[in-house]
Protein backbone atom coordinates (compact mmCIF):
# COMPACT_ATOMS: atom_id res chain seq x y z
CA UNK A 1 125.23 80.13 79.39
CA UNK A 2 122.26 79.13 81.52
CA UNK A 3 120.04 76.39 80.18
CA UNK A 4 117.13 74.29 81.36
CA UNK A 5 117.93 71.72 84.02
CA UNK A 6 116.28 68.50 85.08
CA UNK A 7 113.96 69.28 87.97
CA UNK A 8 114.05 67.90 91.52
CA UNK A 9 117.73 68.62 92.11
CA UNK A 10 118.77 67.38 95.56
CA UNK A 11 121.06 69.87 97.37
CA UNK A 12 123.95 68.42 99.36
CA UNK A 13 123.66 71.06 102.08
CA UNK A 14 120.41 72.15 103.73
CA UNK A 15 122.15 75.15 105.33
CA UNK A 16 121.80 78.27 103.21
CA UNK A 17 124.74 79.89 105.00
CA UNK A 18 126.71 76.69 104.41
CA UNK A 19 125.90 76.90 100.70
CA UNK A 20 127.11 80.51 100.67
CA UNK A 21 130.32 79.51 102.45
CA UNK A 22 130.90 76.71 99.94
CA UNK A 23 130.41 79.10 97.02
CA UNK A 24 133.02 81.51 98.38
CA UNK A 25 135.56 78.69 98.83
CA UNK A 26 134.83 77.05 95.49
CA UNK A 27 134.87 80.21 93.35
CA UNK A 28 137.62 82.00 95.33
CA UNK A 29 139.45 83.52 92.36
CA UNK A 30 136.43 84.31 90.17
CA UNK A 31 134.89 87.76 89.78
CA UNK A 32 131.89 88.08 92.05
CA UNK A 33 130.23 91.53 92.19
CA UNK A 34 130.85 94.66 90.10
CA UNK A 35 129.48 98.20 90.07
CA UNK A 36 128.67 98.72 86.40
CA UNK A 37 129.00 102.52 86.40
CA UNK A 38 132.51 102.60 87.91
CA UNK A 39 133.75 99.08 87.05
CA UNK A 40 134.65 98.63 90.74
CA UNK A 41 134.90 94.87 91.11
CA UNK A 42 135.41 92.23 93.81
CA UNK A 43 136.36 88.57 93.52
CA UNK A 44 134.85 85.93 95.81
CA UNK A 45 138.12 86.12 97.79
CA UNK A 46 137.74 89.90 98.13
CA UNK A 47 134.21 89.41 99.43
CA UNK A 48 135.43 86.83 101.98
CA UNK A 49 138.11 89.22 103.28
CA UNK A 50 135.62 92.08 103.61
CA UNK A 51 133.22 89.75 105.45
CA UNK A 52 135.96 88.79 107.91
CA UNK A 53 136.78 92.46 108.55
CA UNK A 54 133.13 93.33 109.13
CA UNK A 55 132.70 90.37 111.48
CA UNK A 56 135.61 91.73 113.50
CA UNK A 57 133.90 95.13 113.62
CA UNK A 58 130.54 93.60 114.63
CA UNK A 59 132.23 91.91 117.59
CA UNK A 60 133.81 95.21 118.65
CA UNK A 61 130.37 96.83 118.49
CA UNK A 62 128.90 94.15 120.75
CA UNK A 63 126.56 92.76 118.09
CA UNK A 64 125.55 89.14 118.60
CA UNK A 65 123.99 86.49 116.33
CA UNK A 66 120.24 87.05 116.29
CA UNK A 67 120.58 90.84 116.56
CA UNK A 68 119.18 92.82 113.65
CA UNK A 69 121.30 94.76 111.17
CA UNK A 70 119.54 97.07 108.69
CA UNK A 71 120.83 97.87 105.19
CA UNK A 72 119.83 100.88 103.09
CA UNK A 73 121.40 102.06 99.84
CA UNK A 74 120.88 101.83 96.11
CA UNK A 75 122.05 98.60 94.46
CA UNK A 76 125.82 98.26 94.62
CA UNK A 77 128.57 95.78 95.40
CA UNK A 78 129.03 97.22 98.91
CA UNK A 79 125.37 96.44 99.69
CA UNK A 80 125.95 92.78 98.85
CA UNK A 81 129.14 92.61 100.92
CA UNK A 82 127.30 94.18 103.87
CA UNK A 83 124.50 91.67 103.44
CA UNK A 84 126.78 88.66 103.33
CA UNK A 85 128.70 89.90 106.38
CA UNK A 86 125.54 90.29 108.46
CA UNK A 87 123.94 87.11 107.11
CA UNK A 88 126.97 84.86 107.68
CA UNK A 89 127.42 86.35 111.18
CA UNK A 90 123.97 85.03 112.13
CA UNK A 91 122.40 88.49 112.35
CA UNK A 92 118.86 89.08 111.11
CA UNK A 93 119.13 91.29 108.02
CA UNK A 94 116.62 94.13 107.60
CA UNK A 95 116.82 95.37 103.98
CA UNK A 96 115.25 98.83 103.61
CA UNK A 97 114.24 100.11 100.18
CA UNK A 98 116.34 103.12 99.26
CA UNK A 99 113.25 104.74 97.72
CA UNK A 100 111.63 105.08 101.15
CA UNK A 101 111.73 108.59 102.62
CA UNK A 102 113.65 109.50 105.79
CA UNK A 103 110.64 109.09 108.05
CA UNK A 104 109.93 105.60 106.68
CA UNK A 105 113.57 104.55 107.06
CA UNK A 106 113.62 105.82 110.64
CA UNK A 107 110.31 104.09 111.44
CA UNK A 108 111.51 100.77 110.02
CA UNK A 109 114.82 101.00 111.89
CA UNK A 110 112.92 101.64 115.12
CA UNK A 111 110.20 99.08 114.54
CA UNK A 112 112.67 96.33 113.60
CA UNK A 113 114.73 96.82 116.80
CA UNK A 114 117.90 96.96 114.69
CA UNK A 115 121.20 97.39 116.54
CA UNK A 116 122.98 98.90 113.52
CA UNK A 117 122.22 100.29 110.07
CA UNK A 118 124.74 100.08 107.24
CA UNK A 119 123.78 102.75 104.73
CA UNK A 120 124.97 105.25 102.16
CA UNK A 121 125.88 108.72 103.39
CA UNK A 122 122.76 110.34 101.90
CA UNK A 123 120.55 108.11 104.06
CA UNK A 124 122.57 108.68 107.24
CA UNK A 125 121.76 112.39 107.43
CA UNK A 126 119.35 113.16 110.30
CA UNK A 127 118.85 109.42 110.96
CA UNK A 128 118.77 108.64 114.67
CA UNK A 129 120.52 105.31 114.70
CA UNK A 130 123.84 103.55 115.12
CA UNK A 131 125.27 104.03 111.63
CA UNK A 132 128.03 102.33 109.64
CA UNK A 133 128.77 104.11 106.36
CA UNK A 134 128.42 101.69 103.45
CA UNK A 135 130.97 103.59 101.38
CA UNK A 136 134.10 103.48 103.55
CA UNK A 137 132.76 101.35 106.43
CA UNK A 138 133.43 103.98 109.11
CA UNK A 139 131.11 104.52 112.04
CA UNK A 140 129.23 107.79 112.28
CA UNK A 141 129.94 109.57 115.57
CA UNK A 142 131.89 106.58 116.96
CA UNK A 143 135.64 105.78 116.94
CA UNK A 144 135.23 102.51 115.06
CA UNK A 145 136.03 101.58 111.48
CA UNK A 146 136.66 98.46 109.47
CA UNK A 147 140.34 97.42 109.55
CA UNK A 148 141.23 97.21 105.84
CA UNK A 149 144.66 95.77 106.67
CA UNK A 150 143.26 92.76 108.50
CA UNK A 151 142.79 89.31 106.88
CA UNK A 152 144.87 90.11 103.78
CA UNK A 153 146.24 86.56 103.84
CA UNK A 154 142.86 84.89 104.39
CA UNK A 155 142.59 81.56 102.56
CA UNK A 156 139.53 79.40 101.69
CA UNK A 157 140.26 76.97 104.54
CA UNK A 158 140.01 79.91 106.98
CA UNK A 159 136.38 80.62 106.05
CA UNK A 160 133.90 79.28 108.60
CA UNK A 161 130.50 80.88 109.13
CA UNK A 162 127.54 80.68 111.48
CA UNK A 163 125.22 77.68 111.10
CA UNK A 164 121.53 78.41 111.30
CA UNK A 165 118.40 76.49 112.22
CA UNK A 166 115.88 76.36 109.34
CA UNK A 167 112.99 77.85 111.35
CA UNK A 168 114.98 80.75 112.78
CA UNK A 169 114.41 84.29 111.51
CA UNK A 170 116.87 85.28 108.76
CA UNK A 171 115.37 88.30 107.02
CA UNK A 172 112.91 90.98 108.08
CA UNK A 173 111.59 92.46 104.85
CA UNK A 174 109.49 95.62 104.97
CA UNK A 175 107.27 96.48 102.04
CA UNK A 176 104.59 99.12 101.55
CA UNK A 177 102.38 96.57 99.82
CA UNK A 178 98.98 97.56 98.45
CA UNK A 179 97.83 99.33 101.62
CA UNK A 180 100.60 101.90 101.90
CA UNK A 181 101.45 100.65 105.41
CA UNK A 182 104.78 98.90 105.87
CA UNK A 183 104.72 95.42 107.39
CA UNK A 184 107.74 93.46 108.54
CA UNK A 185 107.66 90.09 106.77
CA UNK A 186 109.58 87.52 108.85
CA UNK A 187 111.37 85.14 106.50
CA UNK A 188 113.10 82.10 108.00
CA UNK A 189 116.31 80.55 106.68
CA UNK A 190 114.32 77.70 105.12
CA UNK A 191 112.53 80.16 102.85
CA UNK A 192 115.76 81.64 101.50
CA UNK A 193 117.25 78.15 101.14
CA UNK A 194 114.20 76.87 99.26
CA UNK A 195 114.06 79.87 96.91
CA UNK A 196 117.78 79.56 96.18
CA UNK A 197 117.83 75.87 95.35
CA UNK A 198 114.67 76.37 93.29
CA UNK A 199 116.87 78.06 90.68
CA UNK A 200 119.33 75.14 90.92
CA UNK A 201 116.42 72.87 90.10
CA UNK A 202 115.36 74.67 86.93
CA UNK A 203 118.47 76.30 85.44
CA UNK A 204 122.03 75.18 84.91
CA UNK A 205 124.62 77.93 85.30
CA UNK A 206 128.33 77.84 84.54
CA UNK A 207 130.66 79.54 87.04
CA UNK A 208 131.68 82.88 85.58
CA UNK A 209 128.34 83.45 83.83
CA UNK A 210 127.31 87.09 83.98
CA UNK A 211 124.06 88.49 85.34
CA UNK A 212 122.69 92.04 85.51
CA UNK A 213 120.90 93.24 88.66
CA UNK A 214 118.26 95.89 87.89
CA UNK A 215 115.54 95.34 90.48
CA UNK A 216 115.95 96.71 94.04
CA UNK A 217 118.04 94.37 96.21
CA UNK A 218 115.88 95.28 99.20
CA UNK A 219 112.88 93.77 97.42
CA UNK A 220 112.67 89.97 97.55
CA UNK A 221 112.21 89.54 93.79
CA UNK A 222 115.41 91.43 93.01
CA UNK A 223 117.25 89.95 96.00
CA UNK A 224 116.46 86.30 95.31
CA UNK A 225 116.82 86.14 91.54
CA UNK A 226 118.98 89.06 90.46
CA UNK A 227 121.57 88.51 93.14
CA UNK A 228 121.54 85.77 95.77
CA UNK A 229 121.12 82.67 93.60
CA UNK A 230 123.63 84.04 91.06
CA UNK A 231 126.30 84.45 93.74
CA UNK A 232 125.57 80.97 95.06
CA UNK A 233 126.38 79.33 91.70
CA UNK A 234 129.54 81.33 90.93
CA UNK A 235 128.10 83.98 88.65
CA UNK A 236 129.54 87.45 88.17
CA UNK A 237 126.80 89.90 89.21
CA UNK A 238 126.79 93.46 87.80
CA UNK A 239 124.83 96.26 89.50
CA UNK A 240 123.38 99.37 87.91
CA UNK A 241 124.29 101.68 90.76
CA UNK A 242 122.02 104.55 89.70
CA UNK A 243 118.35 104.72 88.77
CA UNK A 244 118.58 103.38 85.23
CA UNK A 245 117.13 105.03 82.15
CA UNK A 246 115.93 102.78 79.28
CA UNK A 247 119.04 103.82 77.32
CA UNK A 248 121.39 102.78 80.14
CA UNK A 249 119.56 99.49 80.64
CA UNK A 250 119.84 98.54 76.96
CA UNK A 251 123.51 99.61 76.92
CA UNK A 252 124.24 97.48 80.00
CA UNK A 253 122.44 94.47 78.55
CA UNK A 254 124.51 94.70 75.38
CA UNK A 255 127.82 95.02 77.22
CA UNK A 256 127.24 92.45 79.97
CA UNK A 257 125.18 89.94 77.96
CA UNK A 258 123.51 88.28 80.99
CA UNK A 259 122.65 84.58 80.86
CA UNK A 260 119.16 85.17 82.22
CA UNK A 261 117.02 88.31 82.16
CA UNK A 262 114.85 89.08 85.20
CA UNK A 263 112.53 92.07 84.79
CA UNK A 264 109.24 93.55 85.86
CA UNK A 265 106.63 93.77 83.07
CA UNK A 266 107.03 97.54 82.67
CA UNK A 267 110.53 97.27 81.17
CA UNK A 268 109.53 94.80 78.45
CA UNK A 269 106.18 96.50 77.83
CA UNK A 270 107.83 99.86 77.17
CA UNK A 271 110.31 98.34 74.71
CA UNK A 272 107.57 96.53 72.79
CA UNK A 273 104.93 99.28 72.92
CA UNK A 274 107.25 102.17 72.08
CA UNK A 275 109.77 100.60 69.72
CA UNK A 276 108.06 97.63 68.06
CA UNK A 277 104.30 98.22 67.86
CA UNK A 278 104.69 101.55 65.98
CA UNK A 279 106.78 99.74 63.34
CA UNK A 280 104.22 96.95 63.00
CA UNK A 281 101.47 99.50 62.40
CA UNK A 282 103.19 101.15 59.43
CA UNK A 283 101.56 100.56 56.04
CA UNK A 284 104.60 98.72 54.64
CA UNK A 285 104.93 96.25 57.53
CA UNK A 286 101.16 95.62 57.60
CA UNK A 287 101.38 94.72 53.92
CA UNK A 288 104.29 92.34 54.51
CA UNK A 289 102.67 90.59 57.46
CA UNK A 290 99.52 90.02 55.41
CA UNK A 291 101.53 87.45 53.40
CA UNK A 292 102.13 84.26 55.47
CA UNK A 293 105.67 83.55 54.20
CA UNK A 294 106.83 87.15 54.66
CA UNK A 295 105.05 87.41 58.00
CA UNK A 296 107.33 84.74 59.47
CA UNK A 297 110.39 86.57 58.13
CA UNK A 298 109.25 89.85 59.72
CA UNK A 299 108.46 88.19 63.06
CA UNK A 300 111.81 86.39 63.10
CA UNK A 301 113.67 89.65 62.48
CA UNK A 302 111.72 91.40 65.26
CA UNK A 303 112.36 88.52 67.68
CA UNK A 304 116.09 88.62 66.90
CA UNK A 305 116.16 92.40 67.38
CA UNK A 306 114.40 92.18 70.76
CA UNK A 307 116.64 89.30 71.84
CA UNK A 308 119.75 91.29 70.86
CA UNK A 309 118.47 94.39 72.72
CA UNK A 310 118.54 92.33 75.94
CA UNK A 311 122.09 91.13 75.37
CA UNK A 312 121.50 88.23 72.99
CA UNK A 313 122.90 85.62 75.40
CA UNK A 314 120.07 84.65 77.74
CA UNK A 315 118.19 81.39 78.12
CA UNK A 316 114.90 83.03 79.00
CA UNK A 317 113.37 86.29 80.14
CA UNK A 318 111.62 85.87 83.51
CA UNK A 319 108.84 88.38 84.12
CA UNK A 320 107.23 88.98 87.49
CA UNK A 321 106.30 91.47 90.17
CA UNK A 322 103.14 92.86 88.53
CA UNK A 323 100.44 92.04 85.99
CA UNK A 324 101.67 91.57 82.42
CA UNK A 325 99.94 93.42 79.58
CA UNK A 326 97.89 90.92 77.55
CA UNK A 327 98.55 92.52 74.16
CA UNK A 328 102.32 92.51 74.73
CA UNK A 329 102.26 88.89 75.92
CA UNK A 330 100.18 87.83 72.89
CA UNK A 331 102.78 89.43 70.64
CA UNK A 332 105.75 87.80 72.40
CA UNK A 333 104.08 84.42 71.99
CA UNK A 334 103.38 85.20 68.32
CA UNK A 335 107.07 85.81 67.59
CA UNK A 336 108.24 82.86 69.76
CA UNK A 337 110.18 85.05 72.17
CA UNK A 338 111.72 83.05 75.10
CA UNK A 339 109.75 84.53 78.00
CA UNK A 340 107.99 83.15 81.05
CA UNK A 341 105.87 84.79 83.75
CA UNK A 342 106.36 83.87 87.40
CA UNK A 343 104.24 84.47 90.48
CA UNK A 344 105.36 85.34 93.96
CA UNK A 345 105.09 87.63 96.95
CA UNK A 346 107.40 88.87 99.69
CA UNK A 347 105.66 86.57 102.18
CA UNK A 348 107.02 83.58 100.23
CA UNK A 349 110.49 84.92 99.76
CA UNK A 350 109.13 85.30 96.96
CA UNK A 351 108.46 82.41 94.58
CA UNK A 352 105.12 80.61 94.26
CA UNK A 353 104.69 79.81 90.56
CA UNK A 354 107.00 79.27 87.58
CA UNK A 355 107.34 77.21 84.39
CA UNK A 356 110.12 76.92 81.83
CA UNK A 357 109.43 79.06 78.74
CA UNK A 358 109.31 76.04 76.42
CA UNK A 359 106.21 74.67 78.18
CA UNK A 360 104.84 77.85 79.73
CA UNK A 361 101.09 78.39 79.17
CA UNK A 362 100.25 81.86 77.86
CA UNK A 363 98.25 83.99 80.28
CA UNK A 364 99.31 81.93 83.29
CA UNK A 365 102.06 82.49 85.84
CA UNK A 366 103.36 78.95 85.78
CA UNK A 367 102.76 76.01 88.09
CA UNK A 368 103.32 75.83 91.82
CA UNK A 369 107.03 75.32 92.56
CA UNK A 370 108.67 72.46 94.47
CA UNK A 371 108.11 72.35 98.24
CA UNK A 372 104.94 74.44 97.88
CA UNK A 373 101.21 73.71 97.57
CA UNK A 374 98.51 75.87 96.03
CA UNK A 375 94.72 75.80 96.47
CA UNK A 376 91.99 78.00 94.99
CA UNK A 377 89.28 78.93 97.49
CA UNK A 378 86.44 78.22 95.06
CA UNK A 379 83.84 75.50 94.52
CA UNK A 380 84.96 75.37 90.88
CA UNK A 381 88.69 76.33 90.89
CA UNK A 382 89.08 75.59 87.18
CA UNK A 383 86.49 78.16 86.14
CA UNK A 384 85.36 80.37 89.03
CA UNK A 385 88.02 82.66 90.56
CA UNK A 386 88.75 82.31 94.24
CA UNK A 387 91.47 83.49 96.56
CA UNK A 388 94.83 81.80 95.95
CA UNK A 389 96.04 79.99 99.06
CA UNK A 390 99.59 78.62 99.39
CA UNK A 391 101.62 76.76 101.98
CA UNK A 392 105.02 75.14 102.16
CA UNK A 393 108.72 75.71 102.77
CA UNK A 394 108.80 79.21 101.27
CA UNK A 395 106.11 80.70 103.52
CA UNK A 396 107.01 83.35 106.10
CA UNK A 397 106.84 82.99 109.87
CA UNK A 398 104.44 85.95 110.08
CA UNK A 399 104.48 89.73 110.44
CA UNK A 400 106.84 91.23 113.00
CA UNK A 401 105.03 92.54 116.08
CA UNK A 402 101.68 92.05 114.36
CA UNK A 403 100.05 88.86 115.55
CA UNK A 404 96.56 89.94 114.47
CA UNK A 405 97.57 90.41 110.84
CA UNK A 406 99.58 87.18 110.95
CA UNK A 407 96.53 85.21 112.11
CA UNK A 408 94.43 86.88 109.43
CA UNK A 409 96.93 85.95 106.70
CA UNK A 410 97.99 82.42 107.74
CA UNK A 411 95.15 80.14 108.84
CA UNK A 412 95.22 77.25 111.31
CA UNK A 413 96.08 74.74 108.57
CA UNK A 414 99.11 76.76 107.47
CA UNK A 415 97.55 78.18 104.30
CA UNK A 416 98.76 81.69 103.48
CA UNK A 417 95.95 83.81 102.04
CA UNK A 418 97.61 85.75 99.22
CA UNK A 419 94.83 88.27 98.57
CA UNK A 420 95.07 87.38 94.88
CA UNK A 421 92.15 85.93 92.97
CA UNK A 422 92.80 83.19 90.46
CA UNK A 423 91.91 79.92 88.82
CA UNK A 424 93.96 76.79 88.12
CA UNK A 425 93.60 74.54 85.09
CA UNK A 426 93.69 70.74 85.07
CA UNK A 427 97.42 70.80 84.27
CA UNK A 428 98.16 72.91 87.33
CA UNK A 429 98.73 76.24 85.60
CA UNK A 430 97.87 79.22 87.82
CA UNK A 431 95.96 82.15 86.33
CA UNK A 432 95.77 85.45 88.22
CA UNK A 433 92.34 87.05 87.76
CA UNK A 434 92.89 90.10 89.96
CA UNK A 435 93.52 91.28 93.48
CA UNK A 436 90.86 90.45 96.03
CA UNK A 437 91.23 93.97 97.38
CA UNK A 438 90.92 95.60 93.94
CA UNK A 439 87.96 93.54 92.74
CA UNK A 440 84.96 95.76 92.07
CA UNK A 441 81.29 94.82 92.35
CA UNK A 442 79.09 95.71 89.39
CA UNK A 443 75.57 97.12 89.67
CA UNK A 444 74.04 93.68 89.13
CA UNK A 445 76.48 91.86 91.42
CA UNK A 446 79.07 91.04 88.75
CA UNK A 447 82.70 90.69 89.81
CA UNK A 448 84.73 93.27 87.89
CA UNK A 449 88.49 92.85 87.70
CA UNK A 450 89.94 96.28 86.87
CA UNK A 451 93.10 94.68 85.46
CA UNK A 452 91.04 93.21 82.59
CA UNK A 453 89.54 96.63 81.75
CA UNK A 454 93.01 98.20 81.96
CA UNK A 455 94.35 95.66 79.46
CA UNK A 456 91.67 96.76 76.99
CA UNK A 457 92.58 100.42 77.54
CA UNK A 458 96.27 99.75 76.96
CA UNK A 459 95.61 98.32 73.50
CA UNK A 460 95.65 101.99 72.49
CA UNK A 461 99.33 102.98 72.39
CA UNK A 462 98.36 106.59 73.10
CA UNK A 463 97.83 105.60 76.76
CA UNK A 464 101.00 104.98 78.75
CA UNK A 465 99.52 104.13 82.16
CA UNK A 466 96.04 103.57 83.50
CA UNK A 467 94.07 102.73 86.64
CA UNK A 468 90.35 101.94 86.57
CA UNK A 469 88.35 103.12 89.58
CA UNK A 470 84.70 102.78 90.58
CA UNK A 471 82.58 105.82 91.36
CA UNK A 472 79.13 104.84 92.43
CA UNK A 473 77.99 102.34 89.84
CA UNK A 474 80.29 103.69 87.11
CA UNK A 475 83.82 102.78 86.06
CA UNK A 476 86.22 105.61 85.30
CA UNK A 477 89.57 105.20 83.56
CA UNK A 478 92.37 107.38 84.88
CA UNK A 479 95.12 107.65 82.27
CA UNK A 480 98.51 109.29 81.85
CA UNK A 481 99.98 110.43 78.53
CA UNK A 482 103.33 112.22 78.26
CA UNK A 483 103.97 115.18 75.98
CA UNK A 484 106.42 113.04 73.99
CA UNK A 485 103.69 110.50 73.28
CA UNK A 486 101.22 113.22 72.28
CA UNK A 487 103.79 114.66 69.88
CA UNK A 488 104.53 111.23 68.42
CA UNK A 489 100.83 110.77 67.68
CA UNK A 490 100.52 114.29 66.27
CA UNK A 491 98.15 115.42 69.02
CA UNK A 492 97.87 118.36 71.36
CA UNK A 493 96.20 118.22 74.76
CA UNK A 494 93.07 119.83 73.28
CA UNK A 495 92.80 117.41 70.35
CA UNK A 496 93.38 114.52 72.75
CA UNK A 497 90.38 115.59 74.83
CA UNK A 498 88.29 115.81 71.65
CA UNK A 499 89.18 112.19 70.83
CA UNK A 500 88.51 110.69 74.26
CA UNK A 501 84.92 109.69 73.46
CA UNK A 502 86.14 107.89 70.33
CA UNK A 503 88.71 105.99 72.40
CA UNK A 504 86.07 105.20 75.00
CA UNK A 505 83.71 103.68 72.42
CA UNK A 506 86.54 101.60 70.95
CA UNK A 507 87.63 100.33 74.37
CA UNK A 508 84.08 99.45 75.42
CA UNK A 509 83.61 97.47 72.21
CA UNK A 510 86.21 95.01 73.56
CA UNK A 511 84.48 94.59 76.91
CA UNK A 512 81.25 93.08 78.27
CA UNK A 513 78.63 95.74 79.12
CA UNK A 514 79.15 95.51 82.89
CA UNK A 515 82.86 96.37 82.40
CA UNK A 516 82.25 99.39 80.17
CA UNK A 517 83.94 102.61 81.27
CA UNK A 518 81.79 105.73 81.55
CA UNK A 519 84.58 108.29 81.36
CA UNK A 520 88.30 108.79 80.74
CA UNK A 521 90.20 111.28 82.89
CA UNK A 522 93.68 112.43 81.85
CA UNK A 523 96.19 112.98 84.66
CA UNK A 524 98.87 115.64 84.36
CA UNK A 525 101.58 113.53 86.03
CA UNK A 526 102.61 109.87 86.07
CA UNK A 527 100.97 107.59 88.62
CA UNK A 528 102.89 107.27 91.86
CA UNK A 529 104.70 103.93 91.98
CA UNK A 530 106.37 101.52 94.37
CA UNK A 531 110.13 100.83 94.03
CA UNK A 532 109.37 97.84 91.80
CA UNK A 533 107.39 100.18 89.52
CA UNK A 534 103.91 98.95 90.40
CA UNK A 535 101.28 101.71 90.55
CA UNK A 536 100.14 102.56 94.09
CA UNK A 537 96.49 101.89 93.26
CA UNK A 538 95.19 102.78 96.71
CA UNK A 539 96.04 106.45 96.11
CA UNK A 540 93.50 106.77 93.28
CA UNK A 541 89.74 106.96 93.68
C-alpha cells in the first residue's frame, strides 16, 4: 500500500524513457495493465512484446524518431501499449481526447503534422489520415498489420529503447481550455520526467499495488497520475473502458481497492452531497451530533463509510482539475478524511502545487513542488490576489505553431502566466482565488470572483450545478436541477420557481453586498462540460 515518502528522492536515471525501460525489465512477470470491464490483462512482458511488434511496424511504415503519432480512444490497455510503443520509439505522441468530435480530431491530426493515428474503429470512420486500428493493430486501407507471432521469445535483456534529450519535444497535448479553442501544448521530456519522479518523491509504492484509472488518459492529469507514474513503479493499472456511472465507479473501487485515489472534485462532491449531507440533515442525526461525544462517533462512522466506498485501501485521495466546493471540503476536514487538493495545468505537465494530506492546509492547493518556483504578481501576495506565475522543469516549451500566444504566456524571464489569480501565505501554501479571465468587476470597482458566489449557492443541496454571470452591473446565477433532485426534495418545477426568491435571499445573506445575486435562472439541461467534467464557462452569458 502506498504511504508517505521522504521528500527529495534522487532518481538514478534522468532519462524518462530509460526509467520506463527499467520498469519493464524489473517487473517483467508482474501484471501491468487491465481492462476492468473485460478483465483483459497484460503483464509487463506482454507490453514489451507488443512494443517490439509495433516498433517493427513503425519501421515498415517509414516512421522515424521525432515524427508525430496521434492516439485517440477511450481509456483502455491498448491505448497505453500504443503510447509506450510510440514514446519508446522516440516519436512525439499526440494524445487526442476521445470526447472531441470528428471535426476536432481531424483538425488536431492535421495541425499536429502527425504521420499516423492509432485509434478505435469508431474514430476512424470518415477520418482522413493514415490509420492504425487500436483494437487489432491493422492498418486501414493499407496492407500492413502488426505481426503477432514476432518477438514471442523476447527477454528483458533484449529490451533497448530510444534515448531522448531533456529539451526535445515528447508530447503534444491539445486541450480546449477555457476559450474553446484547442492549443497544442509542447511538453518536453524533462517535464514528463519531473512529473513522474515527483510521485517517487512523495509516495512509496510496492510493486504489484493496484490503481484505478478514471480520468481521460489524453488529459495530462489522468495521464501523469492515473497511469504513467503507476506503470513506472510496477503498479497494476486498471482502466474503466466505458464512460463510468457512479455505481460502476464505486463497484470498481471496492473490487480493485486502489492504493491511491485520484479524482476531480465532481466525483467526491456528488458522493458527499447526495449520499452524506441528506443523512446529516435528518432530525435524528442532528440530535446526535449536538452531543460532543456522540458527534465524534457519528463522524467516525461516516469517515469509515466514505473511505470504504473508495476501496478502503488508499493512502490519500488526491483532488485536482477544478475548484473544490468549500462546504464539501469543510466537511471532509471535520471528519478527518485523508484528502489533499493539488494544483496544475496542462502547460506544466501538469503539476504545480501539492502537499501531503497530513500537513495540507484547508482551502489551499498545496505548496509549489520540487524543481518549480511560484510567484504572485501582487504588491501584497499574502493578502491581495494577483496572477500566479510559475517557472521550472515542468514548464512547456510553448504552443505548437503559435509563437504569439507562447510569448504572451511565457515572459522573457521564463515565468509562465497561468491566468489563475491567487495568494500565497507565509508558509508557502497557494490559494486559488479565481481565474483571471473569469474575474468580474463590480459597479464600484470591486473584484468579484464568481467561484466564491457559486460556493455560496451550492450550500443549498437543491442546486446541482451553477455558473454566475454578469449582466450589466448585476450578477445572475444560472443553475441546473434534475428531476430526480426535485422529486427528492418534494418539489415540482412550479414550486421550485416559487421558492427561488427565498433561496436568493438566503444565498445573499452569506455574501458581501457587492457579490449579491439579482436573479436565479433555472436551465433545462446540464451545463456543457469538458472531458474532465469542468463546466465550459465561456458558453454562458
